[in-house]
Amino acid sequence: MELTAAVLTIRQLTLAVILVPPDSTYPAPGARLVAEAQRVFPTLPILLVAPRVGGFSRTYAHFDVTNLVDHIDTDRIAWRRYSALPDSSPLPF
């Protein structure tokens, strides 16, 4: 799996911001994508964000992003491609 993402620090919080299509910011696909992104960024909170359309951007996260979204401009982020390596280790549970 490849992700277009960036690691940002906003208001003393470091998080992984993942660029996704707007349809992926709904709860069902969003929760699945957050779980997949946690394989790449296991220690960071994950925020899914769609590109701005008409000044508005959709987001999805497992935490309240109300105070963070105003500080995220998808046009100014230096996006990178990240790949999840296949995990061959057994699950801890």
PDB file of N, CA and C in Angstrom:
ATOM      1  N   MET A   1       0.842  -1.174   0.000  1.00  0.00           N
ATOM      2  CA  MET A   1       0.000   0.000   0.000  1.00  0.00           C
ATOM      3  C   MET A   1       0.886   1.235   0.000  1.00  0.00           C
ATOM      4  N   GLU A   2       0.565   2.192  -0.847  1.00  0.00           N
ATOM      5  CA  GLU A   2       1.281   3.458  -0.893  1.00  0.00           C
ATOM      6  C   GLU A   2       0.366   4.572  -0.432  1.00  0.00           C
ATOM      7  N   LEU A   3       0.937   5.498   0.327  1.00  0.00           N
ATOM      8  CA  LEU A   3       0.195   6.645   0.844  1.00  0.00           C
ATOM      9  C   LEU A   3       0.865   7.925   0.393  1.00  0.00           C
ATOM     10  N   THR A   4       0.068   8.940   0.118  1.00  0.00           N
ATOM     11  CA  THR A   4       0.580  10.289  -0.072  1.00  0.00           C
ATOM     12  C   THR A   4       0.342  10.981   1.254  1.00  0.00           C
ATOM     13  N   ALA A   5       1.425  11.348   1.939  1.00  0.00           N
ATOM     14  CA  ALA A   5       1.285  11.813   3.316  1.00  0.00           C
ATOM     15  C   ALA A   5       2.372  12.814   3.668  1.00  0.00           C
ATOM     16  N   ALA A   6       2.189  13.412   4.844  1.00  0.00           N
ATOM     17  CA  ALA A   6       3.185  14.316   5.419  1.00  0.00           C
ATOM     18  C   ALA A   6       3.078  14.219   6.933  1.00  0.00           C
ATOM     19  N   VAL A   7       4.203  14.399   7.590  1.00  0.00           N
ATOM     20  CA  VAL A   7       4.217  14.452   9.048  1.00  0.00           C
ATOM     21  C   VAL A   7       4.303  15.926   9.418  1.00  0.00           C
ATOM     22  N   LEU A   8       3.281  16.417  10.106  1.00  0.00           N
ATOM     23  CA  LEU A   8       3.195  17.832  10.461  1.00  0.00           C
ATOM     24  C   LEU A   8       3.163  18.005  11.976  1.00  0.00           C
ATOM     25  N   THR A   9       3.635  19.150  12.424  1.00  0.00           N
ATOM     26  CA  THR A   9       3.490  19.531  13.820  1.00  0.00           C
ATOM     27  C   THR A   9       2.619  20.778  13.856  1.00  0.00           C
ATOM     28  N   ILE A  10       1.470  20.638  14.501  1.00  0.00           N
ATOM     29  CA  ILE A  10       0.505  21.731  14.613  1.00  0.00           C
ATOM     30  C   ILE A  10       0.161  21.887  16.081  1.00  0.00           C
ATOM     31  N   ARG A  11       0.382  23.085  16.600  1.00  0.00           N
ATOM     32  CA  ARG A  11       0.068  23.360  18.005  1.00  0.00           C
ATOM     33  C   ARG A  11       0.680  22.315  18.934  1.00  0.00           C
ATOM     34  N   GLN A  12       1.940  22.026  18.751  1.00  0.00           N
ATOM     35  CA  GLN A  12       2.708  21.093  19.577  1.00  0.00           C
ATOM     36  C   GLN A  12       2.234  19.647  19.451  1.00  0.00           C
ATOM     37  N   LEU A  13       1.459  19.325  18.438  1.00  0.00           N
ATOM     38  CA  LEU A  13       1.012  17.964  18.182  1.00  0.00           C
ATOM     39  C   LEU A  13       1.605  17.516  16.847  1.00  0.00           C
ATOM     40  N   THR A  14       2.352  16.431  16.881  1.00  0.00           N
ATOM     41  CA  THR A  14       2.893  15.864  15.652  1.00  0.00           C
ATOM     42  C   THR A  14       1.947  14.773  15.183  1.00  0.00           C
ATOM     43  N   LEU A  15       1.525  14.863  13.921  1.00  0.00           N
ATOM     44  CA  LEU A  15       0.589  13.897  13.390  1.00  0.00           C
ATOM     45  C   LEU A  15       0.902  13.582  11.938  1.00  0.00           C
ATOM     46  N   ALA A  16       0.397  12.458  11.472  1.00  0.00           N
ATOM     47  CA  ALA A  16       0.518  12.078  10.069  1.00  0.00           C
ATOM     48  C   ALA A  16      -0.750  12.507   9.355  1.00  0.00           C
ATOM     49  N   VAL A  17      -0.584  13.287   8.307  1.00  0.00           N
ATOM     50  CA  VAL A  17      -1.709  13.753   7.496  1.00  0.00           C
ATOM     51  C   VAL A  17      -1.654  12.982   6.184  1.00  0.00           C
ATOM     52  N   ILE A  18      -2.725  12.274   5.869  1.00  0.00           N
ATOM     53  CA  ILE A  18      -2.794  11.431   4.682  1.00  0.00           C
ATOM     54  C   ILE A  18      -3.737  12.060   3.673  1.00  0.00           C
ATOM     55  N   LEU A  19      -3.275  12.267   2.456  1.00  0.00           N
ATOM     56  CA  LEU A  19      -4.095  12.841   1.392  1.00  0.00           C
ATOM     57  C   LEU A  19      -4.933  11.733   0.763  1.00  0.00           C
ATOM     58  N   VAL A  20      -6.256  11.909   0.781  1.00  0.00           N
ATOM     59  CA  VAL A  20      -7.191  10.896   0.271  1.00  0.00           C
ATOM     60  C   VAL A  20      -8.252  11.570  -0.594  1.00  0.00           C
ATOM     61  N   PRO A  21      -8.965  10.805  -1.417  1.00  0.00           N
ATOM     62  CA  PRO A  21     -10.103  11.363  -2.148  1.00  0.00           C
ATOM     63  C   PRO A  21     -11.229  11.724  -1.173  1.00  0.00           C
ATOM     64  N   PRO A  22     -12.077  12.686  -1.515  1.00  0.00           N
ATOM     65  CA  PRO A  22     -13.163  13.090  -0.610  1.00  0.00           C
ATOM     66  C   PRO A  22     -14.049  11.938  -0.143  1.00  0.00           C
ATOM     67  N   ASP A  23     -14.298  10.948  -0.990  1.00  0.00           N
ATOM     68  CA  ASP A  23     -15.151   9.815  -0.598  1.00  0.00           C
ATOM     69  C   ASP A  23     -14.532   8.970   0.510  1.00  0.00           C
ATOM     70  N   SER A  24     -13.241   9.080   0.719  1.00  0.00           N
ATOM     71  CA  SER A  24     -12.567   8.287   1.753  1.00  0.00           C
ATOM     72  C   SER A  24     -12.624   8.934   3.131  1.00  0.00           C
ATOM     73  N   THR A  25     -13.292  10.069   3.242  1.00  0.00           N
ATOM     74  CA  THR A  25     -13.376  10.748   4.541  1.00  0.00           C
ATOM     75  C   THR A  25     -14.662  10.414   5.289  1.00  0.00           C
ATOM     76  N   TYR A  26     -15.452   9.496   4.771  1.00  0.00           N
ATOM     77  CA  TYR A  26     -16.640   9.024   5.485  1.00  0.00           C
ATOM     78  C   TYR A  26     -16.220   7.946   6.482  1.00  0.00           C
ATOM     79  N   PRO A  27     -17.031   7.675   7.501  1.00  0.00           N
ATOM     80  CA  PRO A  27     -16.610   6.757   8.575  1.00  0.00           C
ATOM     81  C   PRO A  27     -16.148   5.367   8.130  1.00  0.00           C
ATOM     82  N   ALA A  28     -16.881   4.691   7.274  1.00  0.00           N
ATOM     83  CA  ALA A  28     -16.489   3.314   6.926  1.00  0.00           C
ATOM     84  C   ALA A  28     -15.151   3.259   6.181  1.00  0.00           C
ATOM     85  N   PRO A  29     -14.997   3.956   5.057  1.00  0.00           N
ATOM     86  CA  PRO A  29     -13.692   3.886   4.394  1.00  0.00           C
ATOM     87  C   PRO A  29     -12.606   4.609   5.196  1.00  0.00           C
ATOM     88  N   GLY A  30     -12.977   5.654   5.912  1.00  0.00           N
ATOM     89  CA  GLY A  30     -11.997   6.398   6.709  1.00  0.00           C
ATOM     90  C   GLY A  30     -11.376   5.555   7.800  1.00  0.00           C
ATOM     91  N   ALA A  31     -12.194   4.806   8.521  1.00  0.00           N
ATOM     92  CA  ALA A  31     -11.670   3.953   9.589  1.00  0.00           C
ATOM     93  C   ALA A  31     -10.728   2.891   9.032  1.00  0.00           C
ATOM     94  N   ARG A  32     -11.058   2.336   7.875  1.00  0.00           N
ATOM     95  CA  ARG A  32     -10.191   1.336   7.248  1.00  0.00           C
ATOM     96  C   ARG A  32      -8.862   1.955   6.829  1.00  0.00           C
ATOM     97  N   LEU A  33      -8.906   3.158   6.239  1.00  0.00           N
ATOM     98  CA  LEU A  33      -7.674   3.816   5.811  1.00  0.00           C
ATOM     99  C   LEU A  33      -6.808   4.239   6.996  1.00  0.00           C
ATOM    100  N   VAL A  34      -7.423   4.673   8.080  1.00  0.00           N
ATOM    101  CA  VAL A  34      -6.656   5.015   9.282  1.00  0.00           C
ATOM    102  C   VAL A  34      -5.937   3.772   9.797  1.00  0.00           C
ATOM    103  N   ALA A  35      -6.622   2.641   9.823  1.00  0.00           N
ATOM    104  CA  ALA A  35      -6.000   1.397  10.282  1.00  0.00           C
ATOM    105  C   ALA A  35      -4.827   1.004   9.385  1.00  0.00           C
ATOM    106  N   GLU A  36      -4.962   1.175   8.081  1.00  0.00           N
ATOM    107  CA  GLU A  36      -3.874   0.870   7.163  1.00  0.00           C
ATOM    108  C   GLU A  36      -2.712   1.846   7.342  1.00  0.00           C
ATOM    109  N   ALA A  37      -3.019   3.125   7.552  1.00  0.00           N
ATOM    110  CA  ALA A  37      -1.976   4.134   7.736  1.00  0.00           C
ATOM    111  C   ALA A  37      -1.207   3.923   9.031  1.00  0.00           C
ATOM    112  N   GLN A  38      -1.838   3.310  10.016  1.00  0.00           N
ATOM    113  CA  GLN A  38      -1.142   3.056  11.274  1.00  0.00           C
ATOM    114  C   GLN A  38      -0.006   2.051  11.108  1.00  0.00           C
ATOM    115  N   ARG A  39      -0.036   1.256  10.058  1.00  0.00           N
ATOM    116  CA  ARG A  39       1.086   0.356   9.771  1.00  0.00           C
ATOM    117  C   ARG A  39       2.308   1.152   9.335  1.00  0.00           C
ATOM    118  N   VAL A  40       2.085   2.298   8.690  1.00  0.00           N
ATOM    119  CA  VAL A  40       3.183   3.143   8.222  1.00  0.00           C
ATOM    120  C   VAL A  40       3.613   4.121   9.314  1.00  0.00           C
ATOM    121  N   PHE A  41       2.658   4.632  10.066  1.00  0.00           N
ATOM    122  CA  PHE A  41       2.915   5.615  11.124  1.00  0.00           C
ATOM    123  C   PHE A  41       2.374   5.084  12.454  1.00  0.00           C
ATOM    124  N   PRO A  42       2.996   4.060  13.023  1.00  0.00           N
ATOM    125  CA  PRO A  42       2.411   3.400  14.203  1.00  0.00           C
ATOM    126  C   PRO A  42       2.369   4.246  15.469  1.00  0.00           C
ATOM    127  N   THR A  43       3.195   5.268  15.567  1.00  0.00           N
ATOM    128  CA  THR A  43       3.239   6.053  16.806  1.00  0.00           C
ATOM    129  C   THR A  43       2.575   7.420  16.685  1.00  0.00           C
ATOM    130  N   LEU A  44       1.991   7.721  15.534  1.00  0.00           N
ATOM    131  CA  LEU A  44       1.414   9.052  15.322  1.00  0.00           C
ATOM    132  C   LEU A  44      -0.101   8.993  15.176  1.00  0.00           C
ATOM    133  N   PRO A  45      -0.784  10.053  15.629  1.00  0.00           N
ATOM    134  CA  PRO A  45      -2.207  10.168  15.308  1.00  0.00           C
ATOM    135  C   PRO A  45      -2.343  10.369  13.795  1.00  0.00           C
ATOM    136  N   ILE A  46      -3.394   9.828  13.222  1.00  0.00           N
ATOM    137  CA  ILE A  46      -3.608   9.875  11.771  1.00  0.00           C
ATOM    138  C   ILE A  46      -4.792  10.786  11.460  1.00  0.00           C
ATOM    139  N   LEU A  47      -4.597  11.678  10.501  1.00  0.00           N
ATOM    140  CA  LEU A  47      -5.661  12.551  10.011  1.00  0.00           C
ATOM    141  C   LEU A  47      -5.760  12.366   8.509  1.00  0.00           C
ATOM    142  N   LEU A  48      -6.927  11.998   8.029  1.00  0.00           N
ATOM    143  CA  LEU A  48      -7.183  11.910   6.592  1.00  0.00           C
ATOM    144  C   LEU A  48      -7.719  13.249   6.129  1.00  0.00           C
ATOM    145  N   VAL A  49      -7.204  13.739   5.024  1.00  0.00           N
ATOM    146  CA  VAL A  49      -7.658  15.030   4.502  1.00  0.00           C
ATOM    147  C   VAL A  49      -7.785  14.934   2.986  1.00  0.00           C
ATOM    148  N   ALA A  50      -8.869  15.491   2.464  1.00  0.00           N
ATOM    149  CA  ALA A  50      -9.093  15.542   1.019  1.00  0.00           C
ATOM    150  C   ALA A  50      -8.630  16.902   0.512  1.00  0.00           C
ATOM    151  N   PRO A  51      -8.222  16.985  -0.748  1.00  0.00           N
ATOM    152  CA  PRO A  51      -7.803  18.279  -1.303  1.00  0.00           C
ATOM    153  C   PRO A  51      -8.927  19.305  -1.212  1.00  0.00           C
ATOM    154  N   ARG A  52      -8.533  20.555  -1.070  1.00  0.00           N
ATOM    155  CA  ARG A  52      -9.516  21.633  -0.989  1.00  0.00           C
ATOM    156  C   ARG A  52     -10.242  21.796  -2.320  1.00  0.00           C
ATOM    157  N   VAL A  53     -11.551  21.914  -2.222  1.00  0.00           N
ATOM    158  CA  VAL A  53     -12.382  22.185  -3.393  1.00  0.00           C
ATOM    159  C   VAL A  53     -13.241  23.378  -3.021  1.00  0.00           C
ATOM    160  N   GLY A  54     -13.031  24.498  -3.689  1.00  0.00           N
ATOM    161  CA  GLY A  54     -13.797  25.691  -3.385  1.00  0.00           C
ATOM    162  C   GLY A  54     -13.538  26.223  -1.979  1.00  0.00           C
ATOM    163  N   GLY A  55     -12.314  26.043  -1.484  1.00  0.00           N
ATOM    164  CA  GLY A  55     -11.964  26.539  -0.161  1.00  0.00           C
ATOM    165  C   GLY A  55     -12.378  25.624   0.979  1.00  0.00           C
ATOM    166  N   PHE A  56     -12.975  24.480   0.665  1.00  0.00           N
ATOM    167  CA  PHE A  56     -13.459  23.558   1.690  1.00  0.00           C
ATOM    168  C   PHE A  56     -12.748  22.221   1.536  1.00  0.00           C
ATOM    169  N   SER A  57     -12.367  21.629   2.650  1.00  0.00           N
ATOM    170  CA  SER A  57     -11.693  20.340   2.633  1.00  0.00           C
ATOM    171  C   SER A  57     -12.357  19.399   3.627  1.00  0.00           C
ATOM    172  N   ARG A  58     -12.587  18.156   3.222  1.00  0.00           N
ATOM    173  CA  ARG A  58     -13.168  17.149   4.113  1.00  0.00           C
ATOM    174  C   ARG A  58     -12.041  16.453   4.868  1.00  0.00           C
ATOM    175  N   THR A  59     -12.312  16.080   6.128  1.00  0.00           N
ATOM    176  CA  THR A  59     -11.326  15.385   6.946  1.00  0.00           C
ATOM    177  C   THR A  59     -11.987  14.226   7.684  1.00  0.00           C
ATOM    178  N   TYR A  60     -11.138  13.313   8.166  1.00  0.00           N
ATOM    179  CA  TYR A  60     -11.599  12.224   9.018  1.00  0.00           C
ATOM    180  C   TYR A  60     -10.457  11.850   9.958  1.00  0.00           C
ATOM    181  N   ALA A  61     -10.794  11.652  11.227  1.00  0.00           N
ATOM    182  CA  ALA A  61      -9.822  11.210  12.228  1.00  0.00           C
ATOM    183  C   ALA A  61     -10.579  10.578  13.380  1.00  0.00           C
ATOM    184  N   HIS A  62      -9.858   9.857  14.224  1.00  0.00           N
ATOM    185  CA  HIS A  62     -10.452   9.248  15.413  1.00  0.00           C
ATOM    186  C   HIS A  62     -10.392  10.200  16.610  1.00  0.00           C
ATOM    187  N   PHE A  63     -10.086  11.459  16.370  1.00  0.00           N
ATOM    188  CA  PHE A  63      -9.990  12.454  17.429  1.00  0.00           C
ATOM    189  C   PHE A  63     -10.544  13.775  16.902  1.00  0.00           C
ATOM    190  N   ASP A  64     -10.801  14.711  17.794  1.00  0.00           N
ATOM    191  CA  ASP A  64     -11.380  16.004  17.424  1.00  0.00           C
ATOM    192  C   ASP A  64     -10.330  16.859  16.714  1.00  0.00           C
ATOM    193  N   VAL A  65     -10.611  17.256  15.490  1.00  0.00           N
ATOM    194  CA  VAL A  65      -9.663  18.044  14.699  1.00  0.00           C
ATOM    195  C   VAL A  65     -10.110  19.493  14.526  1.00  0.00           C
ATOM    196  N   THR A  66     -11.114  19.899  15.275  1.00  0.00           N
ATOM    197  CA  THR A  66     -11.683  21.236  15.125  1.00  0.00           C
ATOM    198  C   THR A  66     -10.622  22.332  15.195  1.00  0.00           C
ATOM    199  N   ASN A  67      -9.699  22.234  16.135  1.00  0.00           N
ATOM    200  CA  ASN A  67      -8.683  23.278  16.309  1.00  0.00           C
ATOM    201  C   ASN A  67      -7.475  23.096  15.403  1.00  0.00           C
ATOM    202  N   LEU A  68      -7.437  22.029  14.620  1.00  0.00           N
ATOM    203  CA  LEU A  68      -6.291  21.766  13.759  1.00  0.00           C
ATOM    204  C   LEU A  68      -6.539  22.083  12.293  1.00  0.00           C
ATOM    205  N   VAL A  69      -7.756  21.889  11.821  1.00  0.00           N
ATOM    206  CA  VAL A  69      -8.015  21.970  10.379  1.00  0.00           C
ATOM    207  C   VAL A  69      -7.738  23.350   9.787  1.00  0.00           C
ATOM    208  N   ASP A  70      -7.880  24.394  10.548  1.00  0.00           N
ATOM    209  CA  ASP A  70      -7.594  25.730  10.025  1.00  0.00           C
ATOM    210  C   ASP A  70      -6.111  25.932   9.734  1.00  0.00           C
ATOM    211  N   HIS A  71      -5.257  25.077  10.287  1.00  0.00           N
ATOM    212  CA  HIS A  71      -3.807  25.198  10.107  1.00  0.00           C
ATOM    213  C   HIS A  71      -3.278  24.291   9.001  1.00  0.00           C
ATOM    214  N   ILE A  72      -4.172  23.585   8.321  1.00  0.00           N
ATOM    215  CA  ILE A  72      -3.755  22.648   7.275  1.00  0.00           C
ATOM    216  C   ILE A  72      -4.205  23.174   5.921  1.00  0.00           C
ATOM    217  N   ASP A  73      -3.234  23.468   5.064  1.00  0.00           N
ATOM    218  CA  ASP A  73      -3.519  23.905   3.700  1.00  0.00           C
ATOM    219  C   ASP A  73      -2.902  22.866   2.770  1.00  0.00           C
ATOM    220  N   THR A  74      -3.733  22.044   2.165  1.00  0.00           N
ATOM    221  CA  THR A  74      -3.237  20.939   1.346  1.00  0.00           C
ATOM    222  C   THR A  74      -2.399  21.408   0.163  1.00  0.00           C
ATOM    223  N   ASP A  75      -2.571  22.653  -0.266  1.00  0.00           N
ATOM    224  CA  ASP A  75      -1.795  23.178  -1.386  1.00  0.00           C
ATOM    225  C   ASP A  75      -0.368  23.555  -0.979  1.00  0.00           C
ATOM    226  N   ARG A  76      -0.108  23.715   0.316  1.00  0.00           N
ATOM    227  CA  ARG A  76       1.213  24.154   0.779  1.00  0.00           C
ATOM    228  C   ARG A  76       2.024  23.050   1.455  1.00  0.00           C
ATOM    229  N   ILE A  77       1.466  21.865   1.545  1.00  0.00           N
ATOM    230  CA  ILE A  77       2.159  20.755   2.205  1.00  0.00           C
ATOM    231  C   ILE A  77       3.091  20.078   1.209  1.00  0.00           C
ATOM    232  N   ALA A  78       4.296  19.763   1.663  1.00  0.00           N
ATOM    233  CA  ALA A  78       5.252  19.013   0.841  1.00  0.00           C
ATOM    234  C   ALA A  78       4.935  17.528   0.994  1.00  0.00           C
ATOM    235  N   TRP A  79       4.048  17.013   0.145  1.00  0.00           N
ATOM    236  CA  TRP A  79       3.602  15.630   0.231  1.00  0.00           C
ATOM    237  C   TRP A  79       4.719  14.684  -0.194  1.00  0.00           C
ATOM    238  N   ARG A  80       4.758  13.516   0.442  1.00  0.00           N
ATOM    239  CA  ARG A  80       5.705  12.452   0.094  1.00  0.00           C
ATOM    240  C   ARG A  80       4.941  11.152  -0.081  1.00  0.00           C
ATOM    241  N   ARG A  81       5.548  10.220  -0.798  1.00  0.00           N
ATOM    242  CA  ARG A  81       4.973   8.884  -0.960  1.00  0.00           C
ATOM    243  C   ARG A  81       5.580   7.974   0.103  1.00  0.00           C
ATOM    244  N   TYR A  82       4.741   7.258   0.820  1.00  0.00           N
ATOM    245  CA  TYR A  82       5.168   6.305   1.836  1.00  0.00           C
ATOM    246  C   TYR A  82       4.613   4.937   1.463  1.00  0.00           C
ATOM    247  N   SER A  83       5.399   3.912   1.715  1.00  0.00           N
ATOM    248  CA  SER A  83       4.960   2.540   1.457  1.00  0.00           C
ATOM    249  C   SER A  83       4.954   1.753   2.752  1.00  0.00           C
ATOM    250  N   ALA A  84       3.928   0.958   2.917  1.00  0.00           N
ATOM    251  CA  ALA A  84       3.876   0.057   4.066  1.00  0.00           C
ATOM    252  C   ALA A  84       4.595  -1.220   3.670  1.00  0.00           C
ATOM    253  N   LEU A  85       5.559  -1.599   4.472  1.00  0.00           N
ATOM    254  CA  LEU A  85       6.248  -2.851   4.226  1.00  0.00           C
ATOM    255  C   LEU A  85       5.375  -3.998   4.715  1.00  0.00           C
ATOM    256  N   PRO A  86       5.360  -5.098   4.009  1.00  0.00           N
ATOM    257  CA  PRO A  86       4.570  -6.224   4.493  1.00  0.00           C
ATOM    258  C   PRO A  86       5.080  -6.675   5.849  1.00  0.00           C
ATOM    259  N   ASP A  87       4.182  -6.840   6.766  1.00  0.00           N
ATOM    260  CA  ASP A  87       4.540  -7.237   8.129  1.00  0.00           C
ATOM    261  C   ASP A  87       4.417  -8.747   8.252  1.00  0.00           C
ATOM    262  N   SER A  88       5.556  -9.403   8.404  1.00  0.00           N
ATOM    263  CA  SER A  88       5.538 -10.856   8.505  1.00  0.00           C
ATOM    264  C   SER A  88       5.590 -11.331   9.961  1.00  0.00           C
ATOM    265  N   SER A  89       5.716 -10.378  10.898  1.00  0.00           N
ATOM    266  CA  SER A  89       5.778 -10.780  12.288  1.00  0.00           C
ATOM    267  C   SER A  89       4.384 -11.162  12.791  1.00  0.00           C
ATOM    268  N   PRO A  90       4.321 -12.085  13.724  1.00  0.00           N
ATOM    269  CA  PRO A  90       3.003 -12.488  14.245  1.00  0.00           C
ATOM    270  C   PRO A  90       2.365 -11.369  15.072  1.00  0.00           C
ATOM    271  N   LEU A  91       1.068 -11.318  15.067  1.00  0.00           N
ATOM    272  CA  LEU A  91       0.359 -10.314  15.852  1.00  0.00           C
ATOM    273  C   LEU A  91       0.528 -10.589  17.334  1.00  0.00           C
ATOM    274  N   PRO A  92       0.580  -9.549  18.162  1.00  0.00           N
ATOM    275  CA  PRO A  92       0.842  -9.744  19.597  1.00  0.00           C
ATOM    276  C   PRO A  92      -0.357 -10.251  20.384  1.00  0.00           C
ATOM    277  N   PHE A  93      -1.479 -10.454  19.734  1.00  0.00           N
ATOM    278  CA  PHE A  93      -2.665 -10.913  20.457  1.00  0.00           C
ATOM    279  C   PHE A  93      -3.262 -12.138  19.801  1.00  0.00           C
TER     280      PHE A  93
END
